[in-house]
């Protein structure tokens, strides 16, 4: 079924409200989970997507990029412990987060479907998805996969810019990247937590969503990590 007929996250059937972004791409807005997703005609081909990522100049040498990634580490830091095993889900061609996490005592493996395609060997204590989830063509499948990679009581750290209103979306610079194909609101992330079995942890950064996977074998499964 085409994306414009069914939400690729929650599966709700249309019709959906349509809205154009700054690139004049048409999107649909799901009234159930509030995901904004680009119509099929505007999805880039895998080769075009890979080519776009290959032009990125981000890396550990880029102080601005390093500072940007630290936004995801800061709210998670109280929950990190020496010896934890992590995964950077969608690390890009020059992994950077792994080096920053070594400073906290967390080891971090890298996965990227184009540049580090070996299947991740989970489950992990913490999975990081920094500026990744907006690239998901089939978000339901990717969120389910990330969930399986997180240990019970483990962490999932997601960084993405949430959309505000449809009026604002029309001129929003974050939607100008042709590889950004779905956009989330806090309500969308709340739906994800409820559906995939997570509880929210305090972040204090509207761009960073910090969540803990519920351990169904624990009576006190709603209690956050110490």
N, C-alpha and C. Protein backbone atom coordinates (compact mmCIF):
# COMPACT_ATOMS: atom_id res chain seq x y z
N UNK A 1 0.85 -1.19 0.00
CA UNK A 1 0.00 0.00 0.00
C UNK A 1 0.89 1.25 0.00
N UNK A 2 0.52 2.23 -0.80
CA UNK A 2 1.30 3.46 -0.90
C UNK A 2 1.28 4.22 0.42
N UNK A 3 2.35 4.97 0.66
CA UNK A 3 2.46 5.73 1.90
C UNK A 3 1.33 6.73 2.06
N UNK A 4 0.86 7.29 0.93
CA UNK A 4 -0.18 8.30 1.05
C UNK A 4 -1.54 7.69 1.42
N UNK A 5 -1.63 6.35 1.37
CA UNK A 5 -2.88 5.67 1.73
C UNK A 5 -2.86 5.10 3.14
N UNK A 6 -1.67 4.94 3.72
CA UNK A 6 -1.55 4.33 5.03
C UNK A 6 -0.33 4.90 5.74
N UNK A 7 -0.48 5.28 7.01
CA UNK A 7 0.64 5.82 7.76
C UNK A 7 1.73 4.76 7.89
N UNK A 8 2.97 5.08 7.52
CA UNK A 8 4.05 4.08 7.59
C UNK A 8 4.55 3.82 9.01
N UNK A 9 3.99 4.53 9.99
CA UNK A 9 4.36 4.27 11.38
C UNK A 9 3.27 3.50 12.11
N UNK A 10 2.08 4.06 12.20
CA UNK A 10 1.03 3.43 13.00
C UNK A 10 0.06 2.59 12.18
N UNK A 11 0.11 2.70 10.85
CA UNK A 11 -0.74 1.89 10.00
C UNK A 11 -2.14 2.45 9.79
N UNK A 12 -2.44 3.61 10.33
CA UNK A 12 -3.75 4.21 10.15
C UNK A 12 -4.00 4.51 8.67
N UNK A 13 -5.20 4.20 8.21
CA UNK A 13 -5.55 4.46 6.82
C UNK A 13 -5.99 5.91 6.63
N UNK A 14 -5.73 6.44 5.42
CA UNK A 14 -6.13 7.80 5.11
C UNK A 14 -7.64 7.91 4.96
N UNK A 15 -8.12 9.05 4.51
CA UNK A 15 -7.34 10.16 3.93
C UNK A 15 -6.63 11.01 4.98
N UNK A 16 -5.53 11.64 4.55
CA UNK A 16 -4.73 12.48 5.41
C UNK A 16 -4.69 13.91 4.88
N UNK A 17 -4.47 14.84 5.78
CA UNK A 17 -4.25 16.22 5.36
C UNK A 17 -2.91 16.31 4.65
N UNK A 18 -2.86 17.08 3.57
CA UNK A 18 -1.63 17.23 2.78
C UNK A 18 -0.99 18.59 3.08
N UNK A 19 0.34 18.62 3.00
CA UNK A 19 1.06 19.88 3.20
C UNK A 19 2.36 19.81 2.40
N UNK A 20 2.77 20.94 1.84
CA UNK A 20 4.03 21.02 1.11
C UNK A 20 5.12 21.56 2.02
N UNK A 21 6.36 21.10 1.77
CA UNK A 21 7.49 21.64 2.50
C UNK A 21 8.18 22.71 1.66
N UNK A 22 9.30 23.20 2.16
CA UNK A 22 10.00 24.29 1.51
C UNK A 22 10.54 23.90 0.14
N UNK A 23 10.70 22.59 -0.11
CA UNK A 23 11.17 22.07 -1.40
C UNK A 23 10.00 21.76 -2.34
N UNK A 24 8.79 22.06 -1.90
CA UNK A 24 7.57 21.79 -2.66
C UNK A 24 7.27 20.29 -2.75
N UNK A 25 7.79 19.53 -1.81
CA UNK A 25 7.43 18.11 -1.72
C UNK A 25 6.10 18.00 -0.96
N UNK A 26 5.26 17.08 -1.36
CA UNK A 26 4.00 16.87 -0.67
C UNK A 26 4.15 15.83 0.43
N UNK A 27 3.56 16.15 1.58
CA UNK A 27 3.56 15.25 2.74
C UNK A 27 2.13 14.99 3.17
N UNK A 28 1.97 13.91 3.92
CA UNK A 28 0.69 13.59 4.55
C UNK A 28 0.87 13.66 6.07
N UNK A 29 -0.17 14.07 6.76
CA UNK A 29 -0.15 14.20 8.22
C UNK A 29 -1.12 13.19 8.81
N UNK A 30 -0.59 12.26 9.60
CA UNK A 30 -1.43 11.25 10.23
C UNK A 30 -2.14 11.86 11.45
N UNK A 31 -3.45 11.79 11.47
CA UNK A 31 -4.20 12.35 12.59
C UNK A 31 -4.16 11.50 13.83
N UNK A 32 -3.63 10.27 13.71
CA UNK A 32 -3.59 9.37 14.87
C UNK A 32 -2.28 9.50 15.65
N UNK A 33 -1.14 9.29 14.96
CA UNK A 33 0.16 9.36 15.64
C UNK A 33 0.89 10.66 15.36
N UNK A 34 0.35 11.51 14.47
CA UNK A 34 0.91 12.83 14.15
C UNK A 34 2.24 12.77 13.39
N UNK A 35 2.52 11.65 12.77
CA UNK A 35 3.69 11.59 11.89
C UNK A 35 3.40 12.37 10.62
N UNK A 36 4.38 13.15 10.18
CA UNK A 36 4.35 13.79 8.87
C UNK A 36 5.27 13.00 7.97
N UNK A 37 4.77 12.53 6.83
CA UNK A 37 5.60 11.66 5.99
C UNK A 37 5.44 12.06 4.52
N UNK A 38 6.55 12.01 3.80
CA UNK A 38 6.56 12.44 2.41
C UNK A 38 5.84 11.40 1.56
N UNK A 39 5.19 11.87 0.50
CA UNK A 39 4.52 10.96 -0.41
C UNK A 39 5.54 10.16 -1.23
N UNK A 40 5.11 9.00 -1.72
CA UNK A 40 6.02 8.09 -2.42
C UNK A 40 6.78 8.76 -3.56
N UNK A 41 6.12 9.64 -4.28
CA UNK A 41 6.74 10.26 -5.46
C UNK A 41 7.97 11.08 -5.11
N UNK A 42 8.11 11.45 -3.83
CA UNK A 42 9.21 12.32 -3.43
C UNK A 42 10.28 11.58 -2.62
N UNK A 43 10.17 10.26 -2.50
CA UNK A 43 11.20 9.49 -1.82
C UNK A 43 12.44 9.42 -2.72
N UNK A 44 13.61 9.75 -2.22
CA UNK A 44 14.81 9.61 -3.05
C UNK A 44 15.14 8.14 -3.27
N UNK A 45 15.78 7.83 -4.37
CA UNK A 45 16.22 6.46 -4.62
C UNK A 45 17.35 6.11 -3.64
N UNK A 46 17.57 4.83 -3.35
CA UNK A 46 18.69 4.46 -2.47
C UNK A 46 20.03 4.99 -2.95
N UNK A 47 20.26 4.99 -4.26
CA UNK A 47 21.54 5.49 -4.77
C UNK A 47 21.68 6.98 -4.55
N UNK A 48 20.59 7.72 -4.75
CA UNK A 48 20.62 9.17 -4.51
C UNK A 48 20.80 9.47 -3.04
N UNK A 49 20.15 8.65 -2.20
CA UNK A 49 20.29 8.84 -0.76
C UNK A 49 21.73 8.60 -0.32
N UNK A 50 22.33 7.52 -0.76
CA UNK A 50 23.71 7.22 -0.40
C UNK A 50 24.65 8.32 -0.89
N UNK A 51 24.43 8.80 -2.10
CA UNK A 51 25.27 9.86 -2.64
C UNK A 51 25.18 11.12 -1.80
N UNK A 52 23.97 11.43 -1.34
CA UNK A 52 23.77 12.61 -0.49
C UNK A 52 24.53 12.47 0.82
N UNK A 53 24.48 11.29 1.44
CA UNK A 53 25.17 11.07 2.71
C UNK A 53 26.69 11.14 2.52
N UNK A 54 27.15 10.69 1.37
CA UNK A 54 28.60 10.68 1.12
C UNK A 54 29.18 12.08 1.04
N UNK A 55 28.34 13.08 0.80
CA UNK A 55 28.83 14.45 0.73
C UNK A 55 28.99 15.10 2.10
N UNK A 56 28.45 14.46 3.14
CA UNK A 56 28.55 15.03 4.48
C UNK A 56 30.01 15.14 4.90
N UNK A 57 30.35 16.25 5.50
CA UNK A 57 31.71 16.48 5.96
C UNK A 57 31.85 16.30 7.47
N UNK A 58 30.82 15.78 8.10
CA UNK A 58 30.85 15.62 9.55
C UNK A 58 31.88 14.58 9.98
N UNK A 59 32.47 14.83 11.14
CA UNK A 59 33.44 13.88 11.70
C UNK A 59 34.00 14.42 12.99
N UNK A 60 34.86 13.64 13.66
CA UNK A 60 35.43 14.08 14.94
C UNK A 60 36.30 15.32 14.83
N UNK A 61 36.71 15.67 13.62
CA UNK A 61 37.53 16.87 13.40
C UNK A 61 36.69 18.14 13.39
N UNK A 62 35.37 17.99 13.30
CA UNK A 62 34.46 19.12 13.18
C UNK A 62 33.92 19.47 14.57
N UNK A 63 34.42 20.57 15.15
CA UNK A 63 34.04 20.94 16.52
C UNK A 63 32.55 21.22 16.63
N UNK A 64 31.96 21.81 15.60
CA UNK A 64 30.53 22.10 15.63
C UNK A 64 29.70 20.83 15.66
N UNK A 65 30.12 19.86 14.87
CA UNK A 65 29.39 18.58 14.82
C UNK A 65 29.53 17.84 16.14
N UNK A 66 30.73 17.87 16.72
CA UNK A 66 30.95 17.22 18.02
C UNK A 66 30.05 17.85 19.08
N UNK A 67 29.98 19.18 19.10
CA UNK A 67 29.12 19.86 20.07
C UNK A 67 27.66 19.51 19.83
N UNK A 68 27.28 19.36 18.58
CA UNK A 68 25.91 18.99 18.24
C UNK A 68 25.57 17.61 18.80
N UNK A 69 26.46 16.64 18.62
CA UNK A 69 26.22 15.29 19.12
C UNK A 69 26.19 15.23 20.64
N UNK A 70 26.95 16.09 21.27
CA UNK A 70 26.97 16.08 22.74
C UNK A 70 25.59 16.41 23.33
N UNK A 71 24.74 17.04 22.53
CA UNK A 71 23.37 17.30 22.99
C UNK A 71 22.66 16.01 23.36
N UNK A 72 22.97 14.94 22.66
CA UNK A 72 22.33 13.65 22.94
C UNK A 72 22.96 12.97 24.15
N UNK A 73 24.23 13.23 24.39
CA UNK A 73 24.93 12.58 25.50
C UNK A 73 24.57 13.20 26.83
N UNK A 74 24.43 14.52 26.88
CA UNK A 74 24.23 15.23 28.15
C UNK A 74 23.03 14.70 28.93
N UNK A 75 21.82 14.59 28.35
CA UNK A 75 20.69 14.11 29.14
C UNK A 75 20.79 12.64 29.51
N UNK A 76 21.54 11.86 28.71
CA UNK A 76 21.69 10.42 29.00
C UNK A 76 22.77 10.15 30.03
N UNK A 77 23.65 11.12 30.27
CA UNK A 77 24.83 10.89 31.11
C UNK A 77 24.48 10.35 32.50
N UNK A 78 23.44 10.81 33.20
CA UNK A 78 23.15 10.27 34.53
C UNK A 78 22.82 8.78 34.53
N UNK A 79 22.46 8.23 33.37
CA UNK A 79 22.05 6.83 33.29
C UNK A 79 23.14 5.93 32.72
N UNK A 80 24.28 6.52 32.33
CA UNK A 80 25.37 5.74 31.75
C UNK A 80 26.30 5.25 32.84
N UNK A 81 26.79 4.04 32.66
CA UNK A 81 27.72 3.43 33.61
C UNK A 81 28.89 2.83 32.86
N UNK A 82 30.05 2.79 33.54
CA UNK A 82 31.23 2.17 32.95
C UNK A 82 30.92 0.74 32.53
N UNK A 83 31.41 0.39 31.36
CA UNK A 83 31.23 -0.97 30.88
C UNK A 83 29.98 -1.22 30.08
N UNK A 84 29.11 -0.22 29.98
CA UNK A 84 27.92 -0.38 29.15
C UNK A 84 28.32 -0.57 27.69
N UNK A 85 27.48 -1.30 26.97
CA UNK A 85 27.72 -1.56 25.56
C UNK A 85 26.64 -0.85 24.75
N UNK A 86 27.07 -0.01 23.81
CA UNK A 86 26.13 0.79 23.04
C UNK A 86 26.23 0.55 21.55
N UNK A 87 25.28 1.13 20.83
CA UNK A 87 25.24 1.06 19.37
C UNK A 87 24.84 2.42 18.82
N UNK A 88 25.60 2.89 17.84
CA UNK A 88 25.24 4.10 17.09
C UNK A 88 24.49 3.63 15.85
N UNK A 89 23.16 3.77 15.87
CA UNK A 89 22.30 3.28 14.80
C UNK A 89 22.17 4.36 13.74
N UNK A 90 22.90 4.16 12.62
CA UNK A 90 22.93 5.18 11.57
C UNK A 90 24.09 6.13 11.77
N UNK A 91 25.29 5.57 11.90
CA UNK A 91 26.47 6.35 12.28
C UNK A 91 27.04 7.20 11.16
N UNK A 92 26.66 6.92 9.90
CA UNK A 92 27.23 7.68 8.79
C UNK A 92 28.58 7.14 8.37
N UNK A 93 29.21 7.83 7.43
CA UNK A 93 30.48 7.33 6.89
C UNK A 93 31.67 7.59 7.79
N UNK A 94 31.54 8.51 8.74
CA UNK A 94 32.65 8.80 9.66
C UNK A 94 32.12 8.78 11.08
N UNK A 95 32.10 7.61 11.73
CA UNK A 95 31.55 7.52 13.09
C UNK A 95 32.27 8.48 14.04
N UNK A 96 31.46 9.19 14.82
CA UNK A 96 31.99 10.18 15.74
C UNK A 96 31.49 9.97 17.15
N UNK A 97 30.23 9.59 17.28
CA UNK A 97 29.64 9.40 18.60
C UNK A 97 30.40 8.36 19.41
N UNK A 98 30.89 7.31 18.77
CA UNK A 98 31.58 6.24 19.49
C UNK A 98 32.78 6.78 20.26
N UNK A 99 33.53 7.70 19.67
CA UNK A 99 34.68 8.27 20.36
C UNK A 99 34.28 9.12 21.54
N UNK A 100 33.18 9.86 21.41
CA UNK A 100 32.70 10.68 22.52
C UNK A 100 32.22 9.82 23.67
N UNK A 101 31.61 8.69 23.36
CA UNK A 101 31.09 7.81 24.41
C UNK A 101 32.20 7.09 25.16
N UNK A 102 33.32 6.88 24.50
CA UNK A 102 34.45 6.26 25.20
C UNK A 102 34.87 7.10 26.40
N UNK A 103 34.68 8.42 26.31
CA UNK A 103 35.02 9.30 27.42
C UNK A 103 34.14 9.04 28.64
N UNK A 104 32.96 8.44 28.42
CA UNK A 104 32.03 8.15 29.52
C UNK A 104 32.14 6.72 30.01
N UNK A 105 33.05 5.93 29.41
CA UNK A 105 33.20 4.53 29.80
C UNK A 105 32.28 3.58 29.08
N UNK A 106 31.57 4.08 28.04
CA UNK A 106 30.64 3.26 27.27
C UNK A 106 31.29 2.89 25.94
N UNK A 107 31.36 1.60 25.65
CA UNK A 107 31.82 1.18 24.34
C UNK A 107 30.66 1.32 23.35
N UNK A 108 30.98 1.56 22.10
CA UNK A 108 29.92 1.81 21.13
C UNK A 108 30.28 1.20 19.79
N UNK A 109 29.42 0.34 19.29
CA UNK A 109 29.57 -0.22 17.96
C UNK A 109 28.83 0.67 16.96
N UNK A 110 29.15 0.48 15.69
CA UNK A 110 28.59 1.33 14.65
C UNK A 110 27.78 0.52 13.66
N UNK A 111 26.63 1.09 13.28
CA UNK A 111 25.81 0.48 12.23
C UNK A 111 25.30 1.57 11.31
N UNK A 112 25.39 1.32 10.02
CA UNK A 112 24.81 2.20 9.01
C UNK A 112 24.51 1.33 7.79
N UNK A 113 23.31 1.40 7.25
CA UNK A 113 22.96 0.50 6.13
C UNK A 113 23.82 0.70 4.90
N UNK A 114 24.44 1.87 4.74
CA UNK A 114 25.28 2.13 3.58
C UNK A 114 26.76 1.98 3.85
N UNK A 115 27.21 2.39 5.03
CA UNK A 115 28.65 2.47 5.28
C UNK A 115 29.16 1.43 6.29
N UNK A 116 28.33 0.97 7.19
CA UNK A 116 28.70 -0.07 8.17
C UNK A 116 27.54 -1.06 8.24
N UNK A 117 27.36 -1.85 7.15
CA UNK A 117 26.13 -2.64 7.01
C UNK A 117 26.08 -3.95 7.77
N UNK A 118 27.14 -4.34 8.46
CA UNK A 118 27.08 -5.60 9.20
C UNK A 118 25.95 -5.54 10.23
N UNK A 119 25.13 -6.58 10.32
CA UNK A 119 23.99 -6.56 11.26
C UNK A 119 24.46 -6.35 12.69
N UNK A 120 23.81 -5.46 13.44
CA UNK A 120 24.20 -5.23 14.84
C UNK A 120 24.02 -6.50 15.67
N UNK A 121 24.92 -6.69 16.62
CA UNK A 121 24.91 -7.88 17.48
C UNK A 121 24.36 -7.51 18.86
N UNK A 122 23.07 -7.24 18.90
CA UNK A 122 22.43 -6.84 20.15
C UNK A 122 22.11 -8.03 21.02
N UNK A 123 21.44 -7.80 22.14
CA UNK A 123 20.93 -6.49 22.56
C UNK A 123 21.99 -5.64 23.24
N UNK A 124 21.73 -4.34 23.31
CA UNK A 124 22.66 -3.37 23.85
C UNK A 124 22.08 -2.68 25.08
N UNK A 125 22.98 -2.17 25.91
CA UNK A 125 22.55 -1.38 27.07
C UNK A 125 21.95 -0.05 26.64
N UNK A 126 22.45 0.49 25.54
CA UNK A 126 21.96 1.78 25.06
C UNK A 126 22.12 1.83 23.55
N UNK A 127 21.06 2.26 22.88
CA UNK A 127 21.08 2.45 21.43
C UNK A 127 20.86 3.94 21.16
N UNK A 128 21.72 4.50 20.31
CA UNK A 128 21.67 5.92 19.96
C UNK A 128 21.17 6.06 18.53
N UNK A 129 20.22 6.94 18.31
CA UNK A 129 19.73 7.25 16.97
C UNK A 129 19.72 8.77 16.85
N UNK A 130 20.86 9.33 16.52
CA UNK A 130 21.01 10.78 16.47
C UNK A 130 20.84 11.27 15.04
N UNK A 131 19.81 12.06 14.80
CA UNK A 131 19.50 12.59 13.47
C UNK A 131 19.40 11.45 12.45
N UNK A 132 18.63 10.43 12.82
CA UNK A 132 18.47 9.23 12.00
C UNK A 132 17.01 8.95 11.69
N UNK A 133 16.13 9.09 12.68
CA UNK A 133 14.75 8.61 12.52
C UNK A 133 13.97 9.37 11.46
N UNK A 134 14.41 10.58 11.14
CA UNK A 134 13.73 11.35 10.10
C UNK A 134 14.06 10.81 8.69
N UNK A 135 15.01 9.88 8.61
CA UNK A 135 15.39 9.28 7.33
C UNK A 135 14.67 7.97 7.05
N UNK A 136 13.85 7.48 7.97
CA UNK A 136 13.24 6.16 7.84
C UNK A 136 12.16 6.15 6.76
N UNK A 137 12.35 5.31 5.73
CA UNK A 137 11.32 5.13 4.71
C UNK A 137 10.14 4.35 5.28
N UNK A 138 10.45 3.34 6.10
CA UNK A 138 9.42 2.50 6.73
C UNK A 138 9.64 2.58 8.24
N UNK A 139 9.18 3.66 8.88
CA UNK A 139 9.51 3.87 10.29
C UNK A 139 9.03 2.76 11.22
N UNK A 140 7.87 2.15 10.95
CA UNK A 140 7.40 1.07 11.83
C UNK A 140 8.42 -0.05 11.90
N UNK A 141 8.98 -0.41 10.77
CA UNK A 141 9.98 -1.49 10.73
C UNK A 141 11.25 -1.10 11.46
N UNK A 142 11.72 0.13 11.26
CA UNK A 142 12.98 0.56 11.88
C UNK A 142 12.83 0.72 13.39
N UNK A 143 11.70 1.27 13.85
CA UNK A 143 11.51 1.41 15.29
C UNK A 143 11.40 0.04 15.96
N UNK A 144 10.75 -0.90 15.30
CA UNK A 144 10.67 -2.26 15.85
C UNK A 144 12.06 -2.88 15.93
N UNK A 145 12.87 -2.66 14.92
CA UNK A 145 14.23 -3.20 14.92
C UNK A 145 15.06 -2.59 16.03
N UNK A 146 14.98 -1.27 16.19
CA UNK A 146 15.74 -0.63 17.27
C UNK A 146 15.28 -1.14 18.63
N UNK A 147 13.98 -1.35 18.78
CA UNK A 147 13.46 -1.86 20.05
C UNK A 147 14.07 -3.21 20.39
N UNK A 148 14.15 -4.09 19.40
CA UNK A 148 14.73 -5.41 19.63
C UNK A 148 16.19 -5.33 20.03
N UNK A 149 16.88 -4.28 19.60
CA UNK A 149 18.30 -4.15 19.89
C UNK A 149 18.58 -3.61 21.29
N UNK A 150 17.56 -3.14 22.00
CA UNK A 150 17.72 -2.58 23.34
C UNK A 150 17.41 -3.65 24.39
N UNK A 151 18.28 -3.81 25.36
CA UNK A 151 18.04 -4.74 26.45
C UNK A 151 16.85 -4.29 27.29
N UNK A 152 16.15 -5.21 27.96
CA UNK A 152 15.16 -4.78 28.96
C UNK A 152 15.82 -3.88 29.99
N UNK A 153 15.19 -2.78 30.31
CA UNK A 153 15.71 -1.73 31.18
C UNK A 153 16.78 -0.87 30.51
N UNK A 154 17.11 -1.18 29.24
CA UNK A 154 18.11 -0.40 28.53
C UNK A 154 17.55 0.91 28.01
N UNK A 155 18.42 1.70 27.41
CA UNK A 155 18.08 3.05 26.96
C UNK A 155 18.02 3.13 25.44
N UNK A 156 17.11 3.95 24.97
CA UNK A 156 17.07 4.37 23.57
C UNK A 156 17.13 5.89 23.57
N UNK A 157 18.15 6.44 22.92
CA UNK A 157 18.36 7.89 22.89
C UNK A 157 18.16 8.36 21.45
N UNK A 158 17.15 9.18 21.24
CA UNK A 158 16.78 9.63 19.90
C UNK A 158 16.90 11.14 19.83
N UNK A 159 17.59 11.62 18.80
CA UNK A 159 17.67 13.06 18.59
C UNK A 159 17.13 13.39 17.20
N UNK A 160 16.10 14.22 17.17
CA UNK A 160 15.51 14.69 15.92
C UNK A 160 14.74 15.96 16.24
N UNK A 161 14.59 16.83 15.26
CA UNK A 161 13.86 18.08 15.49
C UNK A 161 12.37 17.83 15.31
N UNK A 162 11.53 18.09 16.32
CA UNK A 162 10.09 17.88 16.17
C UNK A 162 9.44 19.01 15.38
N UNK A 163 8.45 18.65 14.57
CA UNK A 163 7.71 19.68 13.85
C UNK A 163 6.70 20.33 14.79
N UNK A 164 6.33 21.58 14.49
CA UNK A 164 5.47 22.35 15.38
C UNK A 164 4.05 22.43 14.86
N UNK A 165 3.84 23.16 13.77
CA UNK A 165 2.52 23.31 13.17
C UNK A 165 2.66 23.10 11.67
N UNK A 166 1.56 22.81 11.00
CA UNK A 166 1.60 22.65 9.56
C UNK A 166 1.97 23.96 8.87
N UNK A 167 1.52 25.07 9.42
CA UNK A 167 1.86 26.37 8.84
C UNK A 167 3.36 26.62 8.92
N UNK A 168 3.96 26.30 10.05
CA UNK A 168 5.40 26.47 10.20
C UNK A 168 6.16 25.49 9.33
N UNK A 169 5.63 24.28 9.16
CA UNK A 169 6.31 23.24 8.39
C UNK A 169 6.56 23.69 6.96
N UNK A 170 5.68 24.48 6.40
CA UNK A 170 5.79 24.88 5.00
C UNK A 170 7.08 25.63 4.69
N UNK A 171 7.65 26.29 5.69
CA UNK A 171 8.89 27.04 5.47
C UNK A 171 10.03 26.55 6.37
N UNK A 172 9.88 25.40 6.95
CA UNK A 172 10.83 24.87 7.93
C UNK A 172 12.09 24.38 7.23
N UNK A 173 13.24 24.90 7.63
CA UNK A 173 14.50 24.52 7.01
C UNK A 173 14.87 23.07 7.19
N UNK A 174 14.42 22.47 8.29
CA UNK A 174 14.76 21.06 8.58
C UNK A 174 14.19 20.13 7.50
N UNK A 175 13.13 20.56 6.85
CA UNK A 175 12.51 19.74 5.80
C UNK A 175 13.14 19.99 4.43
N UNK A 176 14.16 20.83 4.36
CA UNK A 176 14.77 21.12 3.07
C UNK A 176 15.73 20.03 2.61
N UNK A 177 16.13 19.14 3.51
CA UNK A 177 16.99 18.02 3.15
C UNK A 177 16.12 16.95 2.49
N UNK A 178 16.46 16.57 1.26
CA UNK A 178 15.62 15.61 0.53
C UNK A 178 15.64 14.22 1.14
N UNK A 179 16.60 13.95 2.03
CA UNK A 179 16.64 12.63 2.69
C UNK A 179 15.86 12.63 4.00
N UNK A 180 15.33 13.77 4.42
CA UNK A 180 14.43 13.82 5.57
C UNK A 180 13.02 13.53 5.05
N UNK A 181 12.50 12.36 5.39
CA UNK A 181 11.24 11.92 4.77
C UNK A 181 10.11 11.66 5.78
N UNK A 182 10.39 11.79 7.07
CA UNK A 182 9.30 11.72 8.06
C UNK A 182 9.70 12.56 9.27
N UNK A 183 8.68 13.14 9.90
CA UNK A 183 8.90 14.12 10.96
C UNK A 183 7.94 13.82 12.11
N UNK A 184 8.43 14.07 13.32
CA UNK A 184 7.74 13.65 14.53
C UNK A 184 7.34 14.84 15.40
N UNK A 185 6.29 14.65 16.15
CA UNK A 185 5.92 15.54 17.23
C UNK A 185 6.11 14.79 18.55
N UNK A 186 6.12 15.50 19.69
CA UNK A 186 6.19 14.77 20.97
C UNK A 186 5.07 13.73 21.11
N UNK A 187 3.89 14.03 20.55
CA UNK A 187 2.81 13.05 20.59
C UNK A 187 3.15 11.79 19.79
N UNK A 188 3.91 11.96 18.72
CA UNK A 188 4.35 10.81 17.93
C UNK A 188 5.26 9.92 18.75
N UNK A 189 6.19 10.55 19.46
CA UNK A 189 7.13 9.77 20.28
C UNK A 189 6.39 9.11 21.44
N UNK A 190 5.37 9.77 21.98
CA UNK A 190 4.56 9.16 23.03
C UNK A 190 3.86 7.91 22.50
N UNK A 191 3.36 7.98 21.27
CA UNK A 191 2.74 6.81 20.65
C UNK A 191 3.77 5.68 20.50
N UNK A 192 4.97 6.05 20.08
CA UNK A 192 6.03 5.05 19.92
C UNK A 192 6.35 4.38 21.25
N UNK A 193 6.49 5.17 22.29
CA UNK A 193 6.79 4.58 23.61
C UNK A 193 5.71 3.60 24.03
N UNK A 194 4.45 4.00 23.89
CA UNK A 194 3.35 3.14 24.31
C UNK A 194 3.27 1.88 23.47
N UNK A 195 3.58 1.99 22.20
CA UNK A 195 3.45 0.86 21.29
C UNK A 195 4.62 -0.13 21.41
N UNK A 196 5.82 0.39 21.57
CA UNK A 196 7.00 -0.46 21.55
C UNK A 196 7.54 -0.78 22.94
N UNK A 197 6.90 -0.24 23.99
CA UNK A 197 7.25 -0.66 25.33
C UNK A 197 8.38 0.12 25.98
N UNK A 198 8.25 1.44 26.01
CA UNK A 198 9.25 2.30 26.65
C UNK A 198 8.54 3.25 27.63
N UNK A 199 9.31 3.76 28.58
CA UNK A 199 8.85 4.86 29.42
C UNK A 199 9.79 6.03 29.20
N UNK A 200 9.26 7.24 29.36
CA UNK A 200 10.04 8.45 29.13
C UNK A 200 10.93 8.75 30.33
N UNK A 201 12.13 9.20 30.04
CA UNK A 201 13.04 9.74 31.05
C UNK A 201 13.25 11.22 30.75
N UNK A 202 13.59 11.97 31.78
CA UNK A 202 13.73 13.42 31.62
C UNK A 202 14.89 13.76 30.71
N UNK A 203 14.66 14.67 29.79
CA UNK A 203 15.69 15.07 28.84
C UNK A 203 16.06 16.55 28.97
N UNK A 204 15.06 17.43 29.11
CA UNK A 204 15.25 18.88 29.16
C UNK A 204 15.77 19.46 27.86
N UNK A 205 15.77 18.67 26.81
CA UNK A 205 16.13 19.15 25.48
C UNK A 205 15.02 18.69 24.54
N UNK A 206 14.26 19.62 23.95
CA UNK A 206 13.12 19.21 23.11
C UNK A 206 13.52 18.42 21.89
N UNK A 207 14.79 18.44 21.55
CA UNK A 207 15.27 17.70 20.38
C UNK A 207 15.71 16.28 20.75
N UNK A 208 15.88 16.00 22.02
CA UNK A 208 16.39 14.70 22.47
C UNK A 208 15.29 13.97 23.24
N UNK A 209 14.98 12.77 22.78
CA UNK A 209 13.97 11.93 23.43
C UNK A 209 14.69 10.75 24.07
N UNK A 210 14.63 10.72 25.39
CA UNK A 210 15.33 9.70 26.17
C UNK A 210 14.28 8.75 26.74
N UNK A 211 14.45 7.46 26.48
CA UNK A 211 13.44 6.50 26.94
C UNK A 211 14.09 5.20 27.39
N UNK A 212 13.42 4.53 28.31
CA UNK A 212 13.90 3.28 28.87
C UNK A 212 12.95 2.15 28.49
N UNK A 213 13.53 1.04 28.04
CA UNK A 213 12.72 -0.10 27.63
C UNK A 213 12.17 -0.81 28.86
N UNK A 214 10.89 -1.08 28.83
CA UNK A 214 10.23 -1.75 29.94
C UNK A 214 10.65 -3.21 29.98
N UNK A 215 11.03 -3.67 31.17
CA UNK A 215 11.31 -5.08 31.40
C UNK A 215 10.02 -5.72 31.90
N UNK A 216 9.38 -6.50 31.05
CA UNK A 216 8.08 -7.08 31.40
C UNK A 216 8.18 -8.10 32.52
N UNK A 217 9.39 -8.53 32.87
CA UNK A 217 9.57 -9.51 33.94
C UNK A 217 9.71 -8.86 35.31
N UNK A 218 9.75 -7.52 35.32
CA UNK A 218 9.93 -6.81 36.60
C UNK A 218 8.62 -6.22 37.07
N UNK A 219 8.34 -6.38 38.33
CA UNK A 219 7.11 -5.81 38.91
C UNK A 219 7.18 -4.31 38.89
N UNK A 220 8.37 -3.75 39.14
CA UNK A 220 8.54 -2.30 39.22
C UNK A 220 9.01 -1.74 37.88
N UNK A 221 8.43 -2.24 36.78
CA UNK A 221 8.93 -1.90 35.45
C UNK A 221 8.76 -0.41 35.10
N UNK A 222 7.93 0.32 35.83
CA UNK A 222 7.74 1.73 35.53
C UNK A 222 8.79 2.61 36.20
N UNK A 223 9.65 2.01 37.03
CA UNK A 223 10.63 2.82 37.76
C UNK A 223 11.81 3.16 36.86
N UNK A 224 12.17 4.44 36.74
CA UNK A 224 13.33 4.80 35.93
C UNK A 224 14.62 4.24 36.51
N UNK A 225 15.63 4.23 35.70
CA UNK A 225 16.97 3.83 36.16
C UNK A 225 17.43 4.76 37.28
N UNK A 226 18.25 4.26 38.21
CA UNK A 226 18.75 5.14 39.28
C UNK A 226 19.67 6.21 38.73
